[in-house]
Amino acid sequence: MTNLGTFRAYLVSYLRNHPMINQDMTLLVRQLPPAADGLPIEIYVFSDDKRWAAYEDIRSDIFDHILAVTPEFGLRVYQHPSGKDVQEVASSGQGLGQGQQSA
């Protein structure tokens, strides 16, 4: 099994044991087709609490946990660079291709 397969299995187990997830409804963790941005993972679950604010808290807690454990599986989360990221690279003097000599 790959680290990605292990990660998916972990997420299923985590969600199956989460006290705020409705275990009588669909619970799905799957890979979507690879894209230029990486390999998306879809998480499809229902909360036990139907209040909107509670749902948002549950969702946030789940994603906080996922972001915290992802490196344990040798995986990284990808996020498109923002203007701030580009600005920091430019101000650091370590632009793309720096240190390379042309032939």
C-alpha atoms as a PDB file:
ATOM      1  CA  MET A   1       0.000   0.000   0.000  1.00  0.00           C
ATOM      2  CA  THR A   2       1.247   3.505  -0.806  1.00  0.00           C
ATOM      3  CA  ASN A   3       1.483   6.441   1.567  1.00  0.00           C
ATOM      4  CA  LEU A   4      -1.511   7.959  -0.238  1.00  0.00           C
ATOM      5  CA  GLY A   5      -3.530   4.763   0.190  1.00  0.00           C
ATOM      6  CA  THR A   6      -2.566   4.641   3.869  1.00  0.00           C
ATOM      7  CA  PHE A   7      -3.595   8.296   4.242  1.00  0.00           C
ATOM      8  CA  ARG A   8      -7.013   7.606   2.691  1.00  0.00           C
ATOM      9  CA  ALA A   9      -7.507   4.582   4.971  1.00  0.00           C
ATOM     10  CA  TYR A  10      -6.531   6.714   7.970  1.00  0.00           C
ATOM     11  CA  LEU A  11      -9.052   9.402   6.992  1.00  0.00           C
ATOM     12  CA  VAL A  12     -11.842   6.825   6.677  1.00  0.00           C
ATOM     13  CA  SER A  13     -10.998   5.440  10.114  1.00  0.00           C
ATOM     14  CA  TYR A  14     -10.748   8.927  11.616  1.00  0.00           C
ATOM     15  CA  LEU A  15     -14.144   9.895  10.209  1.00  0.00           C
ATOM     16  CA  ARG A  16     -15.768   6.575  11.199  1.00  0.00           C
ATOM     17  CA  ASN A  17     -14.679   7.268  14.774  1.00  0.00           C
ATOM     18  CA  HIS A  18     -15.486  10.992  14.812  1.00  0.00           C
ATOM     19  CA  PRO A  19     -18.237  11.639  17.372  1.00  0.00           C
ATOM     20  CA  MET A  20     -19.909  14.355  15.276  1.00  0.00           C
ATOM     21  CA  ILE A  21     -20.142  12.446  11.982  1.00  0.00           C
ATOM     22  CA  ASN A  22     -23.449  10.722  11.165  1.00  0.00           C
ATOM     23  CA  GLN A  23     -22.450   7.076  10.707  1.00  0.00           C
ATOM     24  CA  ASP A  24     -25.836   6.144   9.213  1.00  0.00           C
ATOM     25  CA  MET A  25     -25.264   8.279   6.117  1.00  0.00           C
ATOM     26  CA  THR A  26     -22.743   8.219   3.280  1.00  0.00           C
ATOM     27  CA  LEU A  27     -19.088   8.455   4.292  1.00  0.00           C
ATOM     28  CA  LEU A  28     -16.665   8.644   1.389  1.00  0.00           C
ATOM     29  CA  VAL A  29     -12.959   9.460   1.018  1.00  0.00           C
ATOM     30  CA  ARG A  30     -11.677   9.167  -2.534  1.00  0.00           C
ATOM     31  CA  GLN A  31      -9.047  10.404  -4.931  1.00  0.00           C
ATOM     32  CA  LEU A  32     -10.140  12.554  -7.803  1.00  0.00           C
ATOM     33  CA  PRO A  33      -8.270  12.522 -11.128  1.00  0.00           C
ATOM     34  CA  PRO A  34      -4.741  13.973 -10.955  1.00  0.00           C
ATOM     35  CA  ALA A  35      -4.417  17.556 -12.144  1.00  0.00           C
ATOM     36  CA  ALA A  36      -1.622  20.063 -12.653  1.00  0.00           C
ATOM     37  CA  ASP A  37      -2.225  21.208  -9.066  1.00  0.00           C
ATOM     38  CA  GLY A  38      -1.800  17.747  -7.564  1.00  0.00           C
ATOM     39  CA  LEU A  39      -4.038  14.862  -6.567  1.00  0.00           C
ATOM     40  CA  PRO A  40      -7.301  16.061  -4.993  1.00  0.00           C
ATOM     41  CA  ILE A  41      -8.908  14.095  -2.172  1.00  0.00           C
ATOM     42  CA  GLU A  42     -12.668  14.344  -1.774  1.00  0.00           C
ATOM     43  CA  ILE A  43     -14.268  13.909   1.645  1.00  0.00           C
ATOM     44  CA  TYR A  44     -18.016  13.374   1.677  1.00  0.00           C
ATOM     45  CA  VAL A  45     -19.686  13.000   5.078  1.00  0.00           C
ATOM     46  CA  PHE A  46     -22.691  14.262   7.017  1.00  0.00           C
ATOM     47  CA  SER A  47     -22.582  15.774  10.477  1.00  0.00           C
ATOM     48  CA  ASP A  48     -24.878  14.695  13.299  1.00  0.00           C
ATOM     49  CA  ASP A  49     -25.627  18.318  14.108  1.00  0.00           C
ATOM     50  CA  LYS A  50     -27.774  20.083  11.525  1.00  0.00           C
ATOM     51  CA  ARG A  51     -27.200  23.626  12.796  1.00  0.00           C
ATOM     52  CA  TRP A  52     -25.162  25.647  10.286  1.00  0.00           C
ATOM     53  CA  ALA A  53     -22.692  27.123  12.805  1.00  0.00           C
ATOM     54  CA  ALA A  54     -22.063  23.710  14.373  1.00  0.00           C
ATOM     55  CA  TYR A  55     -21.517  22.197  10.921  1.00  0.00           C
ATOM     56  CA  GLU A  56     -18.918  24.873  10.128  1.00  0.00           C
ATOM     57  CA  ASP A  57     -17.097  24.150  13.409  1.00  0.00           C
ATOM     58  CA  ILE A  58     -17.085  20.397  12.720  1.00  0.00           C
ATOM     59  CA  ARG A  59     -15.823  20.924   9.176  1.00  0.00           C
ATOM     60  CA  SER A  60     -13.083  23.284  10.375  1.00  0.00           C
ATOM     61  CA  ASP A  61     -11.952  20.835  13.069  1.00  0.00           C
ATOM     62  CA  ILE A  62     -11.769  17.997  10.545  1.00  0.00           C
ATOM     63  CA  PHE A  63      -9.676  20.040   8.111  1.00  0.00           C
ATOM     64  CA  ASP A  64      -7.426  21.307  10.919  1.00  0.00           C
ATOM     65  CA  HIS A  65      -6.761  17.674  11.804  1.00  0.00           C
ATOM     66  CA  ILE A  66      -6.156  16.650   8.190  1.00  0.00           C
ATOM     67  CA  LEU A  67      -3.692  19.503   7.637  1.00  0.00           C
ATOM     68  CA  ALA A  68      -1.859  18.582  10.852  1.00  0.00           C
ATOM     69  CA  VAL A  69      -1.458  14.858  10.057  1.00  0.00           C
ATOM     70  CA  THR A  70      -0.721  15.061   6.309  1.00  0.00           C
ATOM     71  CA  PRO A  71       3.087  15.353   6.791  1.00  0.00           C
ATOM     72  CA  GLU A  72       3.050  12.165   8.915  1.00  0.00           C
ATOM     73  CA  PHE A  73       2.220  10.289   5.701  1.00  0.00           C
ATOM     74  CA  GLY A  74       5.018  11.877   3.678  1.00  0.00           C
ATOM     75  CA  LEU A  75       2.506  14.056   1.824  1.00  0.00           C
ATOM     76  CA  ARG A  76       2.263  17.799   1.335  1.00  0.00           C
ATOM     77  CA  VAL A  77      -0.718  20.079   0.857  1.00  0.00           C
ATOM     78  CA  TYR A  78      -0.517  22.258  -2.243  1.00  0.00           C
ATOM     79  CA  GLN A  79      -1.808  25.807  -2.400  1.00  0.00           C
ATOM     80  CA  HIS A  80      -1.494  28.142  -5.375  1.00  0.00           C
ATOM     81  CA  PRO A  81       1.098  30.850  -4.728  1.00  0.00           C
ATOM     82  CA  SER A  82      -0.433  34.186  -3.872  1.00  0.00           C
ATOM     83  CA  GLY A  83       0.874  37.656  -4.616  1.00  0.00           C
ATOM     84  CA  LYS A  84       2.416  37.676  -1.131  1.00  0.00           C
ATOM     85  CA  ASP A  85       4.327  34.437  -1.853  1.00  0.00           C
ATOM     86  CA  VAL A  86       5.727  35.858  -5.084  1.00  0.00           C
ATOM     87  CA  GLN A  87       6.621  39.114  -3.332  1.00  0.00           C
ATOM     88  CA  GLU A  88       8.515  37.215  -0.594  1.00  0.00           C
ATOM     89  CA  VAL A  89      10.502  35.210  -3.152  1.00  0.00           C
ATOM     90  CA  ALA A  90      11.364  38.395  -5.052  1.00  0.00           C
ATOM     91  CA  SER A  91      12.459  40.258  -1.917  1.00  0.00           C
ATOM     92  CA  SER A  92      14.574  37.325  -0.700  1.00  0.00           C
ATOM     93  CA  GLY A  93      16.776  37.552  -3.787  1.00  0.00           C
ATOM     94  CA  GLN A  94      16.204  33.879  -4.553  1.00  0.00           C
ATOM     95  CA  GLY A  95      14.273  34.223  -7.757  1.00  0.00           C
ATOM     96  CA  LEU A  96      13.573  31.339 -10.096  1.00  0.00           C
ATOM     97  CA  GLY A  97      16.643  30.084 -11.892  1.00  0.00           C
ATOM     98  CA  GLN A  98      19.056  32.005  -9.680  1.00  0.00           C
ATOM     99  CA  GLY A  99      22.406  30.304  -9.411  1.00  0.00           C
ATOM    100  CA  GLN A 100      22.093  28.653 -12.813  1.00  0.00           C
ATOM    101  CA  GLN A 101      24.598  29.498 -15.495  1.00  0.00           C
ATOM    102  CA  SER A 102      23.593  29.671 -19.112  1.00  0.00           C
ATOM    103  CA  ALA A 103      25.584  27.630 -21.600  1.00  0.00           C
END
